[in-house]
Amino acid sequence: MLEEARSRIERLEPACAWAAAERGAVVIDIRSDGDRQRDGIVPGSLHVPRTVLEWRLEPEGTWRNPYAPRVDQQVVLVCDHGCSSILAAAALVELGFSHAGDVIGGFQGWREAGLPVTHAPVQSGESDEAPGMRPPDQIR
């Protein structure tokens, strides 16, 4: 399953993913809130947890995140270690995203490469906002 998914997406080394983001690619962080609070985030990334990714990015979906990228934009997913993002990016291809990929090594690889990392915004436990509906975390 992973091999088939890998064949349909673009896998990027962390430095190449950052360069793509600087050129306008949308980095989507699919990690949990806890992982993000513990380890930090990619500046400017959009947080859409893996559990709601397809709902939040479905092009004509009722539950689409208003900040979600267009299907013709480059999308780079980042998970913790670079495994979940493979299957998630392949799911986006199924939804019609023509330039879906992921970060090889995930967030851990990103951090080890010395790329920019910032603190995750503190989320209030009182919010009634649905997961995956927030705007990008911070402007690069």
N, C-alpha and C. Protein backbone atom coordinates (compact mmCIF):
# COMPACT_ATOMS: atom_id res chain seq x y z
N MET A 1 0.82 -1.18 0.00
CA MET A 1 0.00 0.00 0.00
C MET A 1 0.87 1.26 0.00
N LEU A 2 1.92 1.25 0.84
CA LEU A 2 2.80 2.42 0.89
C LEU A 2 3.53 2.63 -0.43
N GLU A 3 4.00 1.54 -1.03
CA GLU A 3 4.72 1.67 -2.31
C GLU A 3 3.82 2.27 -3.38
N GLU A 4 2.58 1.80 -3.43
CA GLU A 4 1.63 2.32 -4.42
C GLU A 4 1.36 3.80 -4.15
N ALA A 5 1.19 4.16 -2.90
CA ALA A 5 0.95 5.56 -2.55
C ALA A 5 2.16 6.42 -2.90
N ARG A 6 3.36 5.94 -2.60
CA ARG A 6 4.59 6.70 -2.91
C ARG A 6 4.69 6.99 -4.40
N SER A 7 4.24 6.06 -5.22
CA SER A 7 4.38 6.22 -6.66
C SER A 7 3.47 7.33 -7.22
N ARG A 8 2.50 7.77 -6.43
CA ARG A 8 1.54 8.76 -6.91
C ARG A 8 1.77 10.16 -6.38
N ILE A 9 2.77 10.32 -5.51
CA ILE A 9 3.00 11.63 -4.88
C ILE A 9 4.44 12.07 -5.10
N GLU A 10 4.70 13.32 -4.77
CA GLU A 10 6.06 13.84 -4.82
C GLU A 10 6.61 13.88 -3.40
N ARG A 11 7.68 13.13 -3.17
CA ARG A 11 8.31 13.13 -1.84
C ARG A 11 9.46 14.12 -1.86
N LEU A 12 9.47 15.03 -0.91
CA LEU A 12 10.47 16.09 -0.87
C LEU A 12 11.35 15.98 0.36
N GLU A 13 12.64 16.11 0.15
CA GLU A 13 13.56 16.26 1.28
C GLU A 13 13.16 17.55 2.00
N PRO A 14 13.42 17.64 3.30
CA PRO A 14 12.98 18.83 4.05
C PRO A 14 13.40 20.16 3.43
N ALA A 15 14.64 20.30 3.01
CA ALA A 15 15.09 21.57 2.43
C ALA A 15 14.33 21.90 1.14
N CYS A 16 14.03 20.90 0.34
CA CYS A 16 13.26 21.11 -0.88
C CYS A 16 11.82 21.49 -0.55
N ALA A 17 11.28 20.93 0.52
CA ALA A 17 9.92 21.28 0.95
C ALA A 17 9.88 22.74 1.40
N TRP A 18 10.89 23.17 2.13
CA TRP A 18 10.92 24.57 2.57
C TRP A 18 11.04 25.50 1.36
N ALA A 19 11.90 25.14 0.39
CA ALA A 19 12.03 25.95 -0.82
C ALA A 19 10.70 26.02 -1.57
N ALA A 20 9.98 24.90 -1.62
CA ALA A 20 8.66 24.89 -2.28
C ALA A 20 7.70 25.81 -1.54
N ALA A 21 7.73 25.79 -0.21
CA ALA A 21 6.87 26.66 0.59
C ALA A 21 7.20 28.13 0.32
N GLU A 22 8.46 28.43 0.19
CA GLU A 22 8.85 29.81 -0.11
C GLU A 22 8.39 30.25 -1.49
N ARG A 23 8.18 29.29 -2.39
CA ARG A 23 7.66 29.59 -3.73
C ARG A 23 6.13 29.56 -3.78
N GLY A 24 5.47 29.28 -2.64
CA GLY A 24 4.02 29.31 -2.62
C GLY A 24 3.32 28.00 -2.35
N ALA A 25 4.06 26.91 -2.19
CA ALA A 25 3.41 25.64 -1.84
C ALA A 25 2.77 25.77 -0.47
N VAL A 26 1.69 25.07 -0.26
CA VAL A 26 1.00 25.09 1.03
C VAL A 26 1.47 23.89 1.84
N VAL A 27 2.07 24.15 2.99
CA VAL A 27 2.49 23.09 3.90
C VAL A 27 1.33 22.82 4.84
N ILE A 28 0.89 21.56 4.87
CA ILE A 28 -0.20 21.17 5.75
C ILE A 28 0.33 20.20 6.79
N ASP A 29 0.20 20.58 8.03
CA ASP A 29 0.65 19.78 9.17
C ASP A 29 -0.51 18.88 9.60
N ILE A 30 -0.33 17.56 9.49
CA ILE A 30 -1.41 16.62 9.82
C ILE A 30 -1.23 15.99 11.20
N ARG A 31 -0.27 16.49 11.98
CA ARG A 31 -0.01 15.94 13.30
C ARG A 31 -1.09 16.36 14.30
N SER A 32 -1.09 15.70 15.43
CA SER A 32 -2.05 16.03 16.49
C SER A 32 -1.65 17.34 17.16
N ASP A 33 -2.62 17.96 17.86
CA ASP A 33 -2.33 19.16 18.64
C ASP A 33 -1.23 18.90 19.66
N GLY A 34 -1.27 17.74 20.30
CA GLY A 34 -0.26 17.41 21.30
C GLY A 34 1.15 17.36 20.73
N ASP A 35 1.31 16.73 19.56
CA ASP A 35 2.63 16.69 18.91
C ASP A 35 3.10 18.08 18.54
N ARG A 36 2.20 18.89 18.06
CA ARG A 36 2.55 20.25 17.67
C ARG A 36 2.95 21.09 18.88
N GLN A 37 2.22 20.94 19.98
CA GLN A 37 2.56 21.68 21.20
C GLN A 37 3.92 21.22 21.74
N ARG A 38 4.17 19.93 21.68
CA ARG A 38 5.42 19.38 22.21
C ARG A 38 6.63 19.76 21.36
N ASP A 39 6.50 19.64 20.02
CA ASP A 39 7.67 19.76 19.14
C ASP A 39 7.78 21.06 18.37
N GLY A 40 6.68 21.80 18.24
CA GLY A 40 6.69 23.01 17.43
C GLY A 40 6.07 22.76 16.07
N ILE A 41 6.10 23.80 15.24
CA ILE A 41 5.45 23.74 13.93
C ILE A 41 6.32 24.36 12.85
N VAL A 42 5.97 24.09 11.61
CA VAL A 42 6.56 24.76 10.46
C VAL A 42 5.87 26.12 10.35
N PRO A 43 6.62 27.21 10.38
CA PRO A 43 5.99 28.52 10.28
C PRO A 43 5.14 28.64 9.01
N GLY A 44 3.93 29.16 9.15
CA GLY A 44 3.05 29.36 8.01
C GLY A 44 2.25 28.15 7.59
N SER A 45 2.44 27.03 8.29
CA SER A 45 1.72 25.81 7.90
C SER A 45 0.25 25.90 8.29
N LEU A 46 -0.54 25.13 7.57
CA LEU A 46 -1.96 25.00 7.85
C LEU A 46 -2.16 23.70 8.61
N HIS A 47 -2.81 23.77 9.77
CA HIS A 47 -3.01 22.55 10.56
C HIS A 47 -4.35 21.92 10.22
N VAL A 48 -4.27 20.72 9.65
CA VAL A 48 -5.47 19.92 9.38
C VAL A 48 -5.14 18.51 9.86
N PRO A 49 -5.63 18.12 11.03
CA PRO A 49 -5.31 16.79 11.55
C PRO A 49 -5.66 15.69 10.53
N ARG A 50 -4.87 14.63 10.55
CA ARG A 50 -5.08 13.53 9.61
C ARG A 50 -6.50 13.00 9.66
N THR A 51 -7.10 12.97 10.81
CA THR A 51 -8.42 12.38 10.97
C THR A 51 -9.52 13.14 10.23
N VAL A 52 -9.26 14.39 9.85
CA VAL A 52 -10.28 15.17 9.14
C VAL A 52 -9.78 15.72 7.80
N LEU A 53 -8.63 15.27 7.35
CA LEU A 53 -7.99 15.84 6.16
C LEU A 53 -8.88 15.84 4.93
N GLU A 54 -9.46 14.70 4.59
CA GLU A 54 -10.26 14.62 3.37
C GLU A 54 -11.49 15.53 3.46
N TRP A 55 -12.11 15.61 4.61
CA TRP A 55 -13.28 16.49 4.79
C TRP A 55 -12.91 17.95 4.59
N ARG A 56 -11.77 18.34 5.16
CA ARG A 56 -11.38 19.75 5.15
C ARG A 56 -10.81 20.21 3.82
N LEU A 57 -10.36 19.28 2.98
CA LEU A 57 -9.78 19.66 1.70
C LEU A 57 -10.63 19.26 0.50
N GLU A 58 -11.70 18.53 0.70
CA GLU A 58 -12.55 18.13 -0.42
C GLU A 58 -12.97 19.37 -1.19
N PRO A 59 -12.65 19.44 -2.49
CA PRO A 59 -12.85 20.67 -3.25
C PRO A 59 -14.26 21.27 -3.18
N GLU A 60 -15.28 20.48 -3.23
CA GLU A 60 -16.65 21.01 -3.21
C GLU A 60 -17.38 20.63 -1.91
N GLY A 61 -16.63 20.22 -0.91
CA GLY A 61 -17.23 19.72 0.31
C GLY A 61 -17.83 20.79 1.20
N THR A 62 -18.88 20.42 1.88
CA THR A 62 -19.55 21.29 2.84
C THR A 62 -18.64 21.64 4.01
N TRP A 63 -17.75 20.73 4.38
CA TRP A 63 -16.89 20.89 5.56
C TRP A 63 -15.48 21.37 5.21
N ARG A 64 -15.29 21.89 4.00
CA ARG A 64 -13.98 22.35 3.53
C ARG A 64 -13.49 23.53 4.37
N ASN A 65 -12.20 23.51 4.70
CA ASN A 65 -11.56 24.62 5.38
C ASN A 65 -11.49 25.79 4.40
N PRO A 66 -11.93 26.99 4.79
CA PRO A 66 -11.90 28.12 3.86
C PRO A 66 -10.47 28.54 3.47
N TYR A 67 -9.47 28.07 4.19
CA TYR A 67 -8.08 28.39 3.90
C TYR A 67 -7.39 27.26 3.11
N ALA A 68 -8.13 26.22 2.78
CA ALA A 68 -7.55 25.07 2.07
C ALA A 68 -7.06 25.50 0.69
N PRO A 69 -5.99 24.87 0.24
CA PRO A 69 -5.46 25.20 -1.09
C PRO A 69 -6.37 24.73 -2.21
N ARG A 70 -6.18 25.32 -3.37
CA ARG A 70 -6.87 24.86 -4.58
C ARG A 70 -6.25 23.54 -5.04
N VAL A 71 -6.97 22.79 -5.82
CA VAL A 71 -6.46 21.48 -6.28
C VAL A 71 -5.26 21.61 -7.20
N ASP A 72 -5.04 22.78 -7.81
CA ASP A 72 -3.90 22.95 -8.70
C ASP A 72 -2.67 23.52 -7.98
N GLN A 73 -2.80 23.83 -6.70
CA GLN A 73 -1.66 24.33 -5.93
C GLN A 73 -0.80 23.16 -5.44
N GLN A 74 0.49 23.43 -5.27
CA GLN A 74 1.36 22.42 -4.67
C GLN A 74 1.05 22.33 -3.18
N VAL A 75 0.85 21.10 -2.71
CA VAL A 75 0.54 20.83 -1.31
C VAL A 75 1.60 19.87 -0.78
N VAL A 76 2.19 20.23 0.35
CA VAL A 76 3.21 19.40 0.97
C VAL A 76 2.75 19.06 2.38
N LEU A 77 2.52 17.77 2.63
CA LEU A 77 2.05 17.34 3.95
C LEU A 77 3.23 16.98 4.83
N VAL A 78 3.06 17.27 6.11
CA VAL A 78 4.09 16.90 7.09
C VAL A 78 3.41 16.20 8.27
N CYS A 79 3.92 15.01 8.58
CA CYS A 79 3.47 14.27 9.76
C CYS A 79 4.65 14.22 10.72
N ASP A 80 4.65 13.32 11.66
CA ASP A 80 5.74 13.28 12.64
C ASP A 80 7.03 12.70 12.06
N HIS A 81 6.95 11.53 11.41
CA HIS A 81 8.16 10.87 10.91
C HIS A 81 8.17 10.60 9.41
N GLY A 82 7.13 10.99 8.69
CA GLY A 82 7.13 10.83 7.24
C GLY A 82 6.48 9.56 6.73
N CYS A 83 5.62 8.95 7.51
CA CYS A 83 4.91 7.75 7.05
C CYS A 83 3.44 8.03 6.80
N SER A 84 2.75 8.60 7.78
CA SER A 84 1.32 8.91 7.62
C SER A 84 1.10 9.87 6.46
N SER A 85 2.04 10.74 6.24
CA SER A 85 1.89 11.75 5.19
C SER A 85 1.89 11.13 3.79
N ILE A 86 2.50 9.97 3.63
CA ILE A 86 2.51 9.30 2.33
C ILE A 86 1.08 8.93 1.94
N LEU A 87 0.39 8.23 2.83
CA LEU A 87 -0.98 7.82 2.55
C LEU A 87 -1.91 9.03 2.47
N ALA A 88 -1.68 10.02 3.30
CA ALA A 88 -2.52 11.22 3.28
C ALA A 88 -2.37 11.97 1.95
N ALA A 89 -1.14 12.11 1.46
CA ALA A 89 -0.93 12.80 0.18
C ALA A 89 -1.58 12.02 -0.96
N ALA A 90 -1.49 10.69 -0.91
CA ALA A 90 -2.15 9.87 -1.94
C ALA A 90 -3.67 10.06 -1.89
N ALA A 91 -4.22 10.24 -0.70
CA ALA A 91 -5.66 10.51 -0.59
C ALA A 91 -6.01 11.84 -1.25
N LEU A 92 -5.12 12.82 -1.13
CA LEU A 92 -5.38 14.11 -1.78
C LEU A 92 -5.34 13.98 -3.30
N VAL A 93 -4.46 13.13 -3.81
CA VAL A 93 -4.44 12.86 -5.25
C VAL A 93 -5.81 12.33 -5.68
N GLU A 94 -6.37 11.43 -4.88
CA GLU A 94 -7.70 10.89 -5.17
C GLU A 94 -8.78 11.98 -5.17
N LEU A 95 -8.58 13.03 -4.38
CA LEU A 95 -9.53 14.14 -4.34
C LEU A 95 -9.33 15.12 -5.49
N GLY A 96 -8.29 14.91 -6.29
CA GLY A 96 -8.05 15.77 -7.44
C GLY A 96 -6.88 16.71 -7.33
N PHE A 97 -6.13 16.66 -6.23
CA PHE A 97 -4.95 17.52 -6.08
C PHE A 97 -3.85 17.00 -7.00
N SER A 98 -3.42 17.85 -7.92
CA SER A 98 -2.46 17.40 -8.94
C SER A 98 -1.01 17.50 -8.49
N HIS A 99 -0.74 18.21 -7.41
CA HIS A 99 0.64 18.38 -6.93
C HIS A 99 0.71 18.11 -5.43
N ALA A 100 0.31 16.92 -5.01
CA ALA A 100 0.34 16.56 -3.59
C ALA A 100 1.61 15.77 -3.29
N GLY A 101 2.24 16.10 -2.19
CA GLY A 101 3.44 15.40 -1.78
C GLY A 101 3.62 15.47 -0.28
N ASP A 102 4.80 15.02 0.17
CA ASP A 102 5.07 15.05 1.60
C ASP A 102 6.53 15.30 1.87
N VAL A 103 6.84 15.49 3.15
CA VAL A 103 8.21 15.73 3.59
C VAL A 103 8.82 14.40 4.03
N ILE A 104 9.90 14.01 3.38
CA ILE A 104 10.62 12.80 3.76
C ILE A 104 11.18 13.00 5.17
N GLY A 105 10.88 12.09 6.06
CA GLY A 105 11.33 12.20 7.45
C GLY A 105 10.39 12.99 8.34
N GLY A 106 9.35 13.57 7.75
CA GLY A 106 8.35 14.29 8.52
C GLY A 106 8.92 15.47 9.28
N PHE A 107 8.22 15.86 10.33
CA PHE A 107 8.64 17.01 11.13
C PHE A 107 9.99 16.75 11.80
N GLN A 108 10.22 15.51 12.19
CA GLN A 108 11.51 15.18 12.82
C GLN A 108 12.65 15.43 11.84
N GLY A 109 12.47 15.02 10.59
CA GLY A 109 13.48 15.28 9.56
C GLY A 109 13.64 16.76 9.28
N TRP A 110 12.53 17.47 9.30
CA TRP A 110 12.54 18.92 9.10
C TRP A 110 13.40 19.59 10.17
N ARG A 111 13.13 19.23 11.41
CA ARG A 111 13.88 19.83 12.53
C ARG A 111 15.35 19.44 12.48
N GLU A 112 15.63 18.17 12.17
CA GLU A 112 17.03 17.72 12.08
C GLU A 112 17.79 18.41 10.97
N ALA A 113 17.08 18.86 9.93
CA ALA A 113 17.71 19.58 8.83
C ALA A 113 17.99 21.04 9.19
N GLY A 114 17.56 21.46 10.38
CA GLY A 114 17.82 22.83 10.83
C GLY A 114 16.92 23.86 10.19
N LEU A 115 15.78 23.44 9.69
CA LEU A 115 14.86 24.37 9.05
C LEU A 115 14.03 25.11 10.09
N PRO A 116 13.39 26.21 9.69
CA PRO A 116 12.64 27.03 10.65
C PRO A 116 11.54 26.24 11.38
N VAL A 117 11.49 26.45 12.67
CA VAL A 117 10.48 25.85 13.55
C VAL A 117 10.06 26.94 14.53
N THR A 118 8.79 26.98 14.84
CA THR A 118 8.30 27.94 15.82
C THR A 118 7.34 27.22 16.76
N HIS A 119 6.97 27.89 17.84
CA HIS A 119 6.03 27.31 18.80
C HIS A 119 4.63 27.26 18.20
N ALA A 120 3.92 26.22 18.52
CA ALA A 120 2.52 26.11 18.09
C ALA A 120 1.69 27.10 18.89
N PRO A 121 0.69 27.69 18.27
CA PRO A 121 -0.18 28.58 19.04
C PRO A 121 -0.92 27.79 20.11
N VAL A 122 -1.09 28.40 21.24
CA VAL A 122 -1.81 27.75 22.33
C VAL A 122 -3.29 27.77 21.98
N GLN A 123 -3.90 26.61 22.02
CA GLN A 123 -5.32 26.49 21.71
C GLN A 123 -6.13 26.41 22.98
N SER A 124 -7.15 27.19 23.05
CA SER A 124 -8.04 27.17 24.20
C SER A 124 -8.88 25.91 24.16
N GLY A 125 -9.00 25.24 25.26
CA GLY A 125 -9.83 24.06 25.35
C GLY A 125 -11.31 24.38 25.29
N GLU A 126 -11.64 25.65 25.33
CA GLU A 126 -13.04 26.08 25.33
C GLU A 126 -13.58 26.37 23.94
N SER A 127 -12.75 26.32 22.92
CA SER A 127 -13.18 26.66 21.58
C SER A 127 -14.17 25.64 21.03
N ASP A 128 -15.18 26.15 20.34
CA ASP A 128 -16.14 25.26 19.69
C ASP A 128 -15.81 25.09 18.21
N GLU A 129 -14.65 25.57 17.82
CA GLU A 129 -14.21 25.45 16.43
C GLU A 129 -13.89 24.00 16.10
N ALA A 130 -14.35 23.55 14.96
CA ALA A 130 -14.10 22.18 14.52
C ALA A 130 -12.63 22.00 14.15
N PRO A 131 -12.05 20.83 14.42
CA PRO A 131 -10.66 20.58 14.06
C PRO A 131 -10.41 20.79 12.56
N GLY A 132 -9.28 21.39 12.25
CA GLY A 132 -8.88 21.58 10.87
C GLY A 132 -9.51 22.75 10.16
N MET A 133 -10.10 23.67 10.90
CA MET A 133 -10.78 24.81 10.28
C MET A 133 -10.07 26.15 10.52
N ARG A 134 -8.96 26.14 11.23
CA ARG A 134 -8.25 27.39 11.52
C ARG A 134 -7.48 27.87 10.29
N PRO A 135 -7.10 29.16 10.28
CA PRO A 135 -6.23 29.66 9.22
C PRO A 135 -4.80 29.15 9.44
N PRO A 136 -3.90 29.41 8.49
CA PRO A 136 -2.50 29.03 8.71
C PRO A 136 -1.98 29.58 10.03
N ASP A 137 -1.06 28.84 10.65
CA ASP A 137 -0.61 29.18 12.00
C ASP A 137 0.10 30.53 12.09
N GLN A 138 1.06 30.78 11.21
CA GLN A 138 1.79 32.04 11.26
C GLN A 138 2.28 32.35 9.86
N ILE A 139 2.43 33.63 9.60
CA ILE A 139 2.97 34.02 8.30
C ILE A 139 4.47 33.82 8.34
N ARG A 140 5.00 33.27 7.26
CA ARG A 140 6.44 33.04 7.15
C ARG A 140 7.17 34.35 7.15
